[in-house]
Amino acid sequence: MTEMTLLAEALAGIAAEVELALDELLPLPEGPEARVVEAMRYAALGGGKRMRAFLVMETARLFGVDRRCAARVAASVEMLHAYSLVHDDLPAMDDDDMRRGKPSTHKAFDEATAILAGDALLTRAMELLAEPDTHDSAEARCELVMALGHASGARGMVGGQMIDILAEGETLTAEQIGRLQALKTGRLIQYSAEAGGILGRANLHQRHALMAYGRDVGAAFQIADDLLDVEVSSEEAGKATGKDAAAGKATLVSILGIDRARAQAEALSAQAVHHLDSFDDKASHLRALAAFVVARRS
């Protein structure tokens, strides 16, 4: 079998594993508050590539971490990612009616419920990392919470979203766009790669290598996402496309052009693979993923 076939099988297997964990970790309560949990489950279950979860599981595997513990962390990052998508789709933000091939959460429920569901997914993600079942070391649990908070807050994903909003209609340089994307998308992907090292109590050199890998994969992923926005139909992508140009948002594709942007994504992918040189064949799926994020069509 080819590397990409093996990767596809590994992605599907981990997606199913994390789906079960999410189902278990988001049980429906009794009472009227169940509606917000239904919305949480709608947003978090049954869709997406689970790339961030895959990064957690595969980097944790490098250090022999118990899969149930790794799956909890993978589920946590998917909850946080789902919260960001729920809020990103709202009319006040990107105003998207479709997500992962189905109506966005605020369309399936309502705007108020979607906001609450996003809030609850964020808080559940942090709560989950702090629970003793996630790791027997309190220090490791604290490191996971701190790292995820740093990746997702004002110095990470939320800060990137703020810059993105302010940048609409503005002329940005390639460097400014790179920083925007590193915060909005890259930091959470970088965290996902680092999380396995935190779980495995990796040494500093290994942690830095995984963070560098995640940083470059995240940057390549975002450029590829911008390419999809101009090259792929909404039906194929499973979400609205062509929105960046319509909103006047600058991307590396709009500045560099399709061919140069794709070349930069491929260079970042190759650089990401180089960061894994100190790891053995257990990192083969991570190496294949670096190529996949550039070649994907959704």
C-alpha atoms as a PDB file:
ATOM      1  CA  MET A   1       0.000   0.000   0.000  1.00  0.00           C
ATOM      2  CA  THR A   2       1.103   3.563  -0.662  1.00  0.00           C
ATOM      3  CA  GLU A   3       1.935   6.004   2.132  1.00  0.00           C
ATOM      4  CA  MET A   4      -1.213   7.983   1.353  1.00  0.00           C
ATOM      5  CA  THR A   5      -3.377   4.850   1.547  1.00  0.00           C
ATOM      6  CA  LEU A   6      -1.839   3.952   4.902  1.00  0.00           C
ATOM      7  CA  LEU A   7      -2.353   7.537   6.056  1.00  0.00           C
ATOM      8  CA  ALA A   8      -5.998   7.490   4.977  1.00  0.00           C
ATOM      9  CA  GLU A   9      -6.568   4.306   6.987  1.00  0.00           C
ATOM     10  CA  ALA A  10      -4.809   5.793  10.026  1.00  0.00           C
ATOM     11  CA  LEU A  11      -6.812   9.025   9.762  1.00  0.00           C
ATOM     12  CA  ALA A  12     -10.076   7.077   9.541  1.00  0.00           C
ATOM     13  CA  GLY A  13      -9.142   4.844  12.466  1.00  0.00           C
ATOM     14  CA  ILE A  14      -8.220   7.726  14.733  1.00  0.00           C
ATOM     15  CA  ALA A  15     -11.279   9.725  13.663  1.00  0.00           C
ATOM     16  CA  ALA A  16     -13.488   6.794  14.724  1.00  0.00           C
ATOM     17  CA  GLU A  17     -11.588   6.403  18.001  1.00  0.00           C
ATOM     18  CA  VAL A  18     -11.911  10.090  18.855  1.00  0.00           C
ATOM     19  CA  GLU A  19     -15.564  10.105  17.785  1.00  0.00           C
ATOM     20  CA  LEU A  20     -16.262   7.453  20.428  1.00  0.00           C
ATOM     21  CA  ALA A  21     -14.373   9.495  23.017  1.00  0.00           C
ATOM     22  CA  LEU A  22     -16.354  12.636  22.158  1.00  0.00           C
ATOM     23  CA  ASP A  23     -19.621  10.724  22.392  1.00  0.00           C
ATOM     24  CA  GLU A  24     -18.636   9.436  25.832  1.00  0.00           C
ATOM     25  CA  LEU A  25     -17.335  12.781  27.095  1.00  0.00           C
ATOM     26  CA  LEU A  26     -20.385  14.791  25.979  1.00  0.00           C
ATOM     27  CA  PRO A  27     -23.300  12.853  27.520  1.00  0.00           C
ATOM     28  CA  LEU A  28     -26.796  14.321  27.325  1.00  0.00           C
ATOM     29  CA  PRO A  29     -28.057  15.525  30.735  1.00  0.00           C
ATOM     30  CA  GLU A  30     -31.623  15.579  31.969  1.00  0.00           C
ATOM     31  CA  GLY A  31     -33.611  18.808  31.894  1.00  0.00           C
ATOM     32  CA  PRO A  32     -33.945  21.770  29.533  1.00  0.00           C
ATOM     33  CA  GLU A  33     -30.190  22.416  29.539  1.00  0.00           C
ATOM     34  CA  ALA A  34     -29.905  19.311  27.357  1.00  0.00           C
ATOM     35  CA  ARG A  35     -30.552  21.557  24.341  1.00  0.00           C
ATOM     36  CA  VAL A  36     -27.152  23.218  24.633  1.00  0.00           C
ATOM     37  CA  VAL A  37     -25.469  19.805  24.905  1.00  0.00           C
ATOM     38  CA  GLU A  38     -27.369  18.674  21.803  1.00  0.00           C
ATOM     39  CA  ALA A  39     -25.887  21.691  20.009  1.00  0.00           C
ATOM     40  CA  MET A  40     -22.426  20.865  21.391  1.00  0.00           C
ATOM     41  CA  ARG A  41     -22.718  17.315  20.116  1.00  0.00           C
ATOM     42  CA  TYR A  42     -24.024  18.542  16.746  1.00  0.00           C
ATOM     43  CA  ALA A  43     -20.950  20.762  16.364  1.00  0.00           C
ATOM     44  CA  ALA A  44     -18.358  18.316  17.658  1.00  0.00           C
ATOM     45  CA  LEU A  45     -19.553  14.904  16.445  1.00  0.00           C
ATOM     46  CA  GLY A  46     -19.880  13.359  13.014  1.00  0.00           C
ATOM     47  CA  GLY A  47     -17.609  15.359  10.766  1.00  0.00           C
ATOM     48  CA  GLY A  48     -14.265  16.828   9.898  1.00  0.00           C
ATOM     49  CA  LYS A  49     -10.876  15.364   9.090  1.00  0.00           C
ATOM     50  CA  ARG A  50      -9.883  15.245  12.803  1.00  0.00           C
ATOM     51  CA  MET A  51      -6.404  16.378  11.782  1.00  0.00           C
ATOM     52  CA  ARG A  52      -5.730  18.010  15.140  1.00  0.00           C
ATOM     53  CA  ALA A  53      -6.855  14.869  16.953  1.00  0.00           C
ATOM     54  CA  PHE A  54      -4.651  12.827  14.625  1.00  0.00           C
ATOM     55  CA  LEU A  55      -1.641  14.962  15.540  1.00  0.00           C
ATOM     56  CA  VAL A  56      -2.283  14.422  19.254  1.00  0.00           C
ATOM     57  CA  MET A  57      -2.675  10.672  18.871  1.00  0.00           C
ATOM     58  CA  GLU A  58       0.301  10.196  16.551  1.00  0.00           C
ATOM     59  CA  THR A  59       2.715  12.354  18.564  1.00  0.00           C
ATOM     60  CA  ALA A  60       1.587  10.605  21.757  1.00  0.00           C
ATOM     61  CA  ARG A  61       2.274   7.254  20.072  1.00  0.00           C
ATOM     62  CA  LEU A  62       5.914   8.269  19.612  1.00  0.00           C
ATOM     63  CA  PHE A  63       6.291   8.036  23.398  1.00  0.00           C
ATOM     64  CA  GLY A  64       4.076   5.040  24.124  1.00  0.00           C
ATOM     65  CA  VAL A  65       1.318   7.086  25.784  1.00  0.00           C
ATOM     66  CA  ASP A  66      -1.804   5.163  26.823  1.00  0.00           C
ATOM     67  CA  ARG A  67      -4.295   5.560  23.963  1.00  0.00           C
ATOM     68  CA  ARG A  68      -7.242   6.311  26.220  1.00  0.00           C
ATOM     69  CA  CYS A  69      -5.362   9.219  27.788  1.00  0.00           C
ATOM     70  CA  ALA A  70      -4.284  10.457  24.351  1.00  0.00           C
ATOM     71  CA  ALA A  71      -7.866  10.170  23.064  1.00  0.00           C
ATOM     72  CA  ARG A  72      -9.088  12.412  25.887  1.00  0.00           C
ATOM     73  CA  VAL A  73      -6.607  15.104  24.875  1.00  0.00           C
ATOM     74  CA  ALA A  74      -7.491  14.605  21.204  1.00  0.00           C
ATOM     75  CA  ALA A  75     -11.184  14.980  22.070  1.00  0.00           C
ATOM     76  CA  SER A  76     -10.383  18.121  24.045  1.00  0.00           C
ATOM     77  CA  VAL A  77      -8.669  19.816  21.112  1.00  0.00           C
ATOM     78  CA  GLU A  78     -11.525  18.801  18.803  1.00  0.00           C
ATOM     79  CA  MET A  79     -14.017  20.367  21.231  1.00  0.00           C
ATOM     80  CA  LEU A  80     -12.040  23.583  21.224  1.00  0.00           C
ATOM     81  CA  HIS A  81     -11.740  23.522  17.439  1.00  0.00           C
ATOM     82  CA  ALA A  82     -15.490  22.903  17.136  1.00  0.00           C
ATOM     83  CA  TYR A  83     -16.201  25.877  19.420  1.00  0.00           C
ATOM     84  CA  SER A  84     -14.077  28.103  17.179  1.00  0.00           C
ATOM     85  CA  LEU A  85     -15.983  26.958  14.076  1.00  0.00           C
ATOM     86  CA  VAL A  86     -19.379  27.488  15.711  1.00  0.00           C
ATOM     87  CA  HIS A  87     -18.483  31.066  16.608  1.00  0.00           C
ATOM     88  CA  ASP A  88     -16.652  31.683  13.317  1.00  0.00           C
ATOM     89  CA  ASP A  89     -19.794  30.759  11.360  1.00  0.00           C
ATOM     90  CA  LEU A  90     -22.016  33.252  13.203  1.00  0.00           C
ATOM     91  CA  PRO A  91     -23.483  36.228  11.281  1.00  0.00           C
ATOM     92  CA  ALA A  92     -21.357  38.622  13.353  1.00  0.00           C
ATOM     93  CA  MET A  93     -18.200  36.822  12.208  1.00  0.00           C
ATOM     94  CA  ASP A  94     -17.839  35.018   8.839  1.00  0.00           C
ATOM     95  CA  ASP A  95     -21.596  34.402   8.398  1.00  0.00           C
ATOM     96  CA  ASP A  96     -21.400  30.872   6.980  1.00  0.00           C
ATOM     97  CA  ASP A  97     -24.543  28.764   6.639  1.00  0.00           C
ATOM     98  CA  MET A  98     -22.728  25.472   5.932  1.00  0.00           C
ATOM     99  CA  ARG A  99     -20.044  23.594   7.839  1.00  0.00           C
ATOM    100  CA  ARG A 100     -18.738  20.087   7.137  1.00  0.00           C
ATOM    101  CA  GLY A 101     -21.445  19.561   4.541  1.00  0.00           C
ATOM    102  CA  LYS A 102     -24.371  20.336   6.841  1.00  0.00           C
ATOM    103  CA  PRO A 103     -26.076  23.472   8.222  1.00  0.00           C
ATOM    104  CA  SER A 104     -23.917  25.469  10.634  1.00  0.00           C
ATOM    105  CA  THR A 105     -24.854  25.174  14.300  1.00  0.00           C
ATOM    106  CA  HIS A 106     -26.623  28.547  14.417  1.00  0.00           C
ATOM    107  CA  LYS A 107     -28.734  27.444  11.441  1.00  0.00           C
ATOM    108  CA  ALA A 108     -29.548  24.024  12.878  1.00  0.00           C
ATOM    109  CA  PHE A 109     -30.451  25.560  16.261  1.00  0.00           C
ATOM    110  CA  ASP A 110     -30.367  29.350  16.684  1.00  0.00           C
ATOM    111  CA  GLU A 111     -27.734  32.028  17.254  1.00  0.00           C
ATOM    112  CA  ALA A 112     -28.070  32.215  21.035  1.00  0.00           C
ATOM    113  CA  THR A 113     -27.840  28.443  21.420  1.00  0.00           C
ATOM    114  CA  ALA A 114     -24.828  28.362  19.085  1.00  0.00           C
ATOM    115  CA  ILE A 115     -23.011  30.964  21.183  1.00  0.00           C
ATOM    116  CA  LEU A 116     -23.715  29.029  24.365  1.00  0.00           C
ATOM    117  CA  ALA A 117     -22.696  25.739  22.749  1.00  0.00           C
ATOM    118  CA  GLY A 118     -19.387  27.268  21.696  1.00  0.00           C
ATOM    119  CA  ASP A 119     -18.801  28.637  25.188  1.00  0.00           C
ATOM    120  CA  ALA A 120     -19.574  25.255  26.708  1.00  0.00           C
ATOM    121  CA  LEU A 121     -17.294  23.371  24.294  1.00  0.00           C
ATOM    122  CA  LEU A 122     -14.425  25.698  25.200  1.00  0.00           C
ATOM    123  CA  THR A 123     -14.910  25.236  28.928  1.00  0.00           C
ATOM    124  CA  ARG A 124     -15.414  21.463  28.617  1.00  0.00           C
ATOM    125  CA  ALA A 125     -12.158  21.228  26.647  1.00  0.00           C
ATOM    126  CA  MET A 126     -10.215  22.859  29.481  1.00  0.00           C
ATOM    127  CA  GLU A 127     -12.070  20.893  32.168  1.00  0.00           C
ATOM    128  CA  LEU A 128     -11.251  17.642  30.401  1.00  0.00           C
ATOM    129  CA  LEU A 129      -7.507  18.349  30.389  1.00  0.00           C
ATOM    130  CA  ALA A 130      -7.544  19.056  34.125  1.00  0.00           C
ATOM    131  CA  GLU A 131      -9.265  15.781  35.055  1.00  0.00           C
ATOM    132  CA  PRO A 132      -7.067  13.092  36.680  1.00  0.00           C
ATOM    133  CA  ASP A 133      -8.047  10.493  34.048  1.00  0.00           C
ATOM    134  CA  THR A 134      -6.184  12.535  31.420  1.00  0.00           C
ATOM    135  CA  HIS A 135      -2.760  12.007  33.048  1.00  0.00           C
ATOM    136  CA  ASP A 136      -1.540  10.799  36.420  1.00  0.00           C
ATOM    137  CA  SER A 137       0.859  13.761  36.624  1.00  0.00           C
ATOM    138  CA  ALA A 138      -0.712  17.028  37.798  1.00  0.00           C
ATOM    139  CA  GLU A 139       2.238  18.841  36.223  1.00  0.00           C
ATOM    140  CA  ALA A 140       1.463  17.327  32.825  1.00  0.00           C
ATOM    141  CA  ARG A 141      -2.204  18.280  33.142  1.00  0.00           C
ATOM    142  CA  CYS A 142      -1.278  21.867  34.046  1.00  0.00           C
ATOM    143  CA  GLU A 143       1.104  22.049  31.078  1.00  0.00           C
ATOM    144  CA  LEU A 144      -1.653  20.860  28.736  1.00  0.00           C
ATOM    145  CA  VAL A 145      -4.112  23.446  30.052  1.00  0.00           C
ATOM    146  CA  MET A 146      -1.544  26.248  29.869  1.00  0.00           C
ATOM    147  CA  ALA A 147      -0.398  25.311  26.358  1.00  0.00           C
ATOM    148  CA  LEU A 148      -3.955  25.057  25.027  1.00  0.00           C
ATOM    149  CA  GLY A 149      -4.889  28.364  26.658  1.00  0.00           C
ATOM    150  CA  HIS A 150      -1.881  30.041  25.059  1.00  0.00           C
ATOM    151  CA  ALA A 151      -2.682  28.556  21.640  1.00  0.00           C
ATOM    152  CA  SER A 152      -6.365  29.466  21.682  1.00  0.00           C
ATOM    153  CA  GLY A 153      -6.562  32.828  23.478  1.00  0.00           C
ATOM    154  CA  ALA A 154      -5.710  36.429  22.650  1.00  0.00           C
ATOM    155  CA  ARG A 155      -2.099  35.495  21.861  1.00  0.00           C
ATOM    156  CA  GLY A 156      -3.255  32.673  19.588  1.00  0.00           C
ATOM    157  CA  MET A 157      -6.448  31.721  17.767  1.00  0.00           C
ATOM    158  CA  VAL A 158      -8.693  34.486  19.152  1.00  0.00           C
ATOM    159  CA  GLY A 159      -6.029  37.112  18.547  1.00  0.00           C
ATOM    160  CA  GLY A 160      -5.682  35.894  14.967  1.00  0.00           C
ATOM    161  CA  GLN A 161      -9.433  36.139  14.449  1.00  0.00           C
ATOM    162  CA  MET A 162      -9.375  39.722  15.733  1.00  0.00           C
ATOM    163  CA  ILE A 163      -6.605  40.616  13.280  1.00  0.00           C
ATOM    164  CA  ASP A 164      -8.580  38.905  10.511  1.00  0.00           C
ATOM    165  CA  ILE A 165     -11.662  41.018  11.232  1.00  0.00           C
ATOM    166  CA  LEU A 166      -9.648  44.253  11.340  1.00  0.00           C
ATOM    167  CA  ALA A 167      -7.857  43.336   8.103  1.00  0.00           C
ATOM    168  CA  GLU A 168     -10.992  43.159   5.931  1.00  0.00           C
ATOM    169  CA  GLY A 169     -10.554  45.602   3.058  1.00  0.00           C
ATOM    170  CA  GLU A 170      -6.980  46.417   4.157  1.00  0.00           C
ATOM    171  CA  THR A 171      -3.796  45.788   2.192  1.00  0.00           C
ATOM    172  CA  LEU A 172      -1.573  43.412   4.133  1.00  0.00           C
ATOM    173  CA  THR A 173       1.955  42.292   3.404  1.00  0.00           C
ATOM    174  CA  ALA A 174       2.839  38.606   3.077  1.00  0.00           C
ATOM    175  CA  GLU A 175       4.537  38.841   6.481  1.00  0.00           C
ATOM    176  CA  GLN A 176       1.394  40.273   8.104  1.00  0.00           C
ATOM    177  CA  ILE A 177      -0.771  37.584   6.533  1.00  0.00           C
ATOM    178  CA  GLY A 178       1.653  34.926   7.745  1.00  0.00           C
ATOM    179  CA  ARG A 179       1.392  36.187  11.312  1.00  0.00           C
ATOM    180  CA  LEU A 180      -2.409  36.382  11.111  1.00  0.00           C
ATOM    181  CA  GLN A 181      -2.621  32.801   9.904  1.00  0.00           C
ATOM    182  CA  ALA A 182      -0.035  31.560  12.400  1.00  0.00           C
ATOM    183  CA  LEU A 183      -2.209  32.877  15.222  1.00  0.00           C
ATOM    184  CA  LYS A 184      -5.676  32.079  13.855  1.00  0.00           C
ATOM    185  CA  THR A 185      -4.979  28.564  12.564  1.00  0.00           C
ATOM    186  CA  GLY A 186      -1.373  27.586  13.159  1.00  0.00           C
ATOM    187  CA  ARG A 187      -1.141  27.832  16.933  1.00  0.00           C
ATOM    188  CA  LEU A 188      -3.844  25.237  17.577  1.00  0.00           C
ATOM    189  CA  ILE A 189      -2.262  22.846  15.077  1.00  0.00           C
ATOM    190  CA  GLN A 190       1.124  23.455  16.699  1.00  0.00           C
ATOM    191  CA  TYR A 191      -0.391  22.713  20.115  1.00  0.00           C
ATOM    192  CA  SER A 192      -1.875  19.470  18.798  1.00  0.00           C
ATOM    193  CA  ALA A 193       1.590  18.296  17.746  1.00  0.00           C
ATOM    194  CA  GLU A 194       3.132  19.408  21.040  1.00  0.00           C
ATOM    195  CA  ALA A 195       0.423  17.777  23.183  1.00  0.00           C
ATOM    196  CA  GLY A 196       1.678  14.251  22.538  1.00  0.00           C
ATOM    197  CA  GLY A 197       5.101  15.322  23.759  1.00  0.00           C
ATOM    198  CA  ILE A 198       3.591  16.802  26.924  1.00  0.00           C
ATOM    199  CA  LEU A 199       1.674  13.586  27.555  1.00  0.00           C
ATOM    200  CA  GLY A 200       4.801  11.520  26.910  1.00  0.00           C
ATOM    201  CA  ARG A 201       6.992  13.757  29.099  1.00  0.00           C
ATOM    202  CA  ALA A 202       9.311  14.275  26.115  1.00  0.00           C
ATOM    203  CA  ASN A 203      12.622  16.038  26.559  1.00  0.00           C
ATOM    204  CA  LEU A 204      13.058  19.665  25.484  1.00  0.00           C
ATOM    205  CA  HIS A 205      14.662  18.807  22.146  1.00  0.00           C
ATOM    206  CA  GLN A 206      11.797  16.488  21.232  1.00  0.00           C
ATOM    207  CA  ARG A 207       9.185  19.033  22.335  1.00  0.00           C
ATOM    208  CA  HIS A 208      10.790  21.749  20.210  1.00  0.00           C
ATOM    209  CA  ALA A 209      10.960  19.429  17.186  1.00  0.00           C
ATOM    210  CA  LEU A 210       7.257  18.600  17.474  1.00  0.00           C
ATOM    211  CA  MET A 211       6.325  22.259  17.923  1.00  0.00           C
ATOM    212  CA  ALA A 212       8.355  23.215  14.830  1.00  0.00           C
ATOM    213  CA  TYR A 213       6.723  20.398  12.873  1.00  0.00           C
ATOM    214  CA  GLY A 214       3.259  21.567  13.968  1.00  0.00           C
ATOM    215  CA  ARG A 215       4.083  25.192  13.150  1.00  0.00           C
ATOM    216  CA  ASP A 216       5.118  24.369   9.581  1.00  0.00           C
ATOM    217  CA  VAL A 217       2.280  21.908   8.983  1.00  0.00           C
ATOM    218  CA  GLY A 218      -0.147  24.552  10.252  1.00  0.00           C
ATOM    219  CA  ALA A 219       1.255  27.173   7.890  1.00  0.00           C
ATOM    220  CA  ALA A 220       1.104  24.768   4.931  1.00  0.00           C
ATOM    221  CA  PHE A 221      -2.454  23.777   5.910  1.00  0.00           C
ATOM    222  CA  GLN A 222      -3.653  27.379   5.879  1.00  0.00           C
ATOM    223  CA  ILE A 223      -2.124  28.159   2.492  1.00  0.00           C
ATOM    224  CA  ALA A 224      -3.757  24.986   1.142  1.00  0.00           C
ATOM    225  CA  ASP A 225      -7.057  26.131   2.671  1.00  0.00           C
ATOM    226  CA  ASP A 226      -6.733  29.470   0.866  1.00  0.00           C
ATOM    227  CA  LEU A 227      -6.027  27.611  -2.377  1.00  0.00           C
ATOM    228  CA  LEU A 228      -9.170  25.515  -1.868  1.00  0.00           C
ATOM    229  CA  ASP A 229     -11.151  28.730  -1.403  1.00  0.00           C
ATOM    230  CA  VAL A 230     -10.351  29.773  -4.975  1.00  0.00           C
ATOM    231  CA  GLU A 231     -10.055  26.383  -6.694  1.00  0.00           C
ATOM    232  CA  VAL A 232     -12.730  24.096  -5.230  1.00  0.00           C
ATOM    233  CA  SER A 233     -16.538  24.222  -5.279  1.00  0.00           C
ATOM    234  CA  SER A 234     -18.562  24.575  -2.073  1.00  0.00           C
ATOM    235  CA  GLU A 235     -19.975  21.077  -2.627  1.00  0.00           C
ATOM    236  CA  GLU A 236     -16.528  19.478  -2.806  1.00  0.00           C
ATOM    237  CA  ALA A 237     -15.147  21.481   0.122  1.00  0.00           C
ATOM    238  CA  GLY A 238     -18.216  20.913   2.326  1.00  0.00           C
ATOM    239  CA  LYS A 239     -18.326  24.626   3.197  1.00  0.00           C
ATOM    240  CA  ALA A 240     -18.722  27.962   1.449  1.00  0.00           C
ATOM    241  CA  THR A 241     -15.821  28.866  -0.849  1.00  0.00           C
ATOM    242  CA  GLY A 242     -14.861  32.096  -2.591  1.00  0.00           C
ATOM    243  CA  LYS A 243     -15.660  34.042   0.555  1.00  0.00           C
ATOM    244  CA  ASP A 244     -12.209  35.526   1.109  1.00  0.00           C
ATOM    245  CA  ALA A 245     -12.256  37.400  -2.187  1.00  0.00           C
ATOM    246  CA  ALA A 246     -15.881  38.448  -1.686  1.00  0.00           C
ATOM    247  CA  ALA A 247     -15.051  39.859   1.757  1.00  0.00           C
ATOM    248  CA  GLY A 248     -11.936  41.615   0.510  1.00  0.00           C
ATOM    249  CA  LYS A 249      -9.651  39.493   2.681  1.00  0.00           C
ATOM    250  CA  ALA A 250      -6.011  39.338   1.692  1.00  0.00           C
ATOM    251  CA  THR A 251      -4.428  35.882   1.584  1.00  0.00           C
ATOM    252  CA  LEU A 252      -1.035  34.630   0.468  1.00  0.00           C
ATOM    253  CA  VAL A 253      -2.793  33.310  -2.642  1.00  0.00           C
ATOM    254  CA  SER A 254      -4.074  36.787  -3.524  1.00  0.00           C
ATOM    255  CA  ILE A 255      -0.599  38.272  -3.038  1.00  0.00           C
ATOM    256  CA  LEU A 256       1.644  35.546  -4.450  1.00  0.00           C
ATOM    257  CA  GLY A 257      -0.675  33.944  -6.971  1.00  0.00           C
ATOM    258  CA  ILE A 258      -1.728  30.298  -7.083  1.00  0.00           C
ATOM    259  CA  ASP A 259       1.538  28.794  -8.314  1.00  0.00           C
ATOM    260  CA  ARG A 260       3.845  30.625  -5.884  1.00  0.00           C
ATOM    261  CA  ALA A 261       1.496  30.032  -2.972  1.00  0.00           C
ATOM    262  CA  ARG A 262       1.369  26.313  -3.733  1.00  0.00           C
ATOM    263  CA  ALA A 263       5.167  26.227  -3.973  1.00  0.00           C
ATOM    264  CA  GLN A 264       5.427  27.876  -0.557  1.00  0.00           C
ATOM    265  CA  ALA A 265       3.007  25.349   0.939  1.00  0.00           C
ATOM    266  CA  GLU A 266       5.065  22.499  -0.494  1.00  0.00           C
ATOM    267  CA  ALA A 267       8.278  24.009   0.891  1.00  0.00           C
ATOM    268  CA  LEU A 268       6.707  24.281   4.343  1.00  0.00           C
ATOM    269  CA  SER A 269       5.543  20.674   4.094  1.00  0.00           C
ATOM    270  CA  ALA A 270       9.090  19.523   3.307  1.00  0.00           C
ATOM    271  CA  GLN A 271      10.469  21.621   6.156  1.00  0.00           C
ATOM    272  CA  ALA A 272       7.948  20.052   8.551  1.00  0.00           C
ATOM    273  CA  VAL A 273       9.145  16.573   7.599  1.00  0.00           C
ATOM    274  CA  HIS A 274      12.739  17.618   8.288  1.00  0.00           C
ATOM    275  CA  HIS A 275      11.824  18.431  11.901  1.00  0.00           C
ATOM    276  CA  LEU A 276      11.003  14.728  12.414  1.00  0.00           C
ATOM    277  CA  ASP A 277      14.526  13.537  11.567  1.00  0.00           C
ATOM    278  CA  SER A 278      15.240  12.571  15.182  1.00  0.00           C
ATOM    279  CA  PHE A 279      12.225  10.238  15.290  1.00  0.00           C
ATOM    280  CA  ASP A 280      12.073   6.698  13.907  1.00  0.00           C
ATOM    281  CA  ASP A 281       9.553   4.964  11.663  1.00  0.00           C
ATOM    282  CA  LYS A 282       6.814   5.615  14.227  1.00  0.00           C
ATOM    283  CA  ALA A 283       6.636   9.102  12.711  1.00  0.00           C
ATOM    284  CA  SER A 284       5.849   7.828   9.200  1.00  0.00           C
ATOM    285  CA  HIS A 285       2.206   8.893   9.402  1.00  0.00           C
ATOM    286  CA  LEU A 286       3.242  12.348  10.571  1.00  0.00           C
ATOM    287  CA  ARG A 287       5.567  12.641   7.586  1.00  0.00           C
ATOM    288  CA  ALA A 288       2.779  11.559   5.226  1.00  0.00           C
ATOM    289  CA  LEU A 289       0.382  14.041   6.831  1.00  0.00           C
ATOM    290  CA  ALA A 290       2.709  16.916   5.926  1.00  0.00           C
ATOM    291  CA  ALA A 291       2.268  16.011   2.249  1.00  0.00           C
ATOM    292  CA  PHE A 292      -1.462  15.350   2.623  1.00  0.00           C
ATOM    293  CA  VAL A 293      -2.314  18.806   3.991  1.00  0.00           C
ATOM    294  CA  VAL A 294      -1.030  20.348   0.750  1.00  0.00           C
ATOM    295  CA  ALA A 295      -2.603  17.799  -1.629  1.00  0.00           C
ATOM    296  CA  ARG A 296      -6.079  17.589  -0.033  1.00  0.00           C
ATOM    297  CA  ARG A 297      -9.250  18.727  -1.812  1.00  0.00           C
ATOM    298  CA  SER A 298     -11.463  19.437   1.179  1.00  0.00           C
END
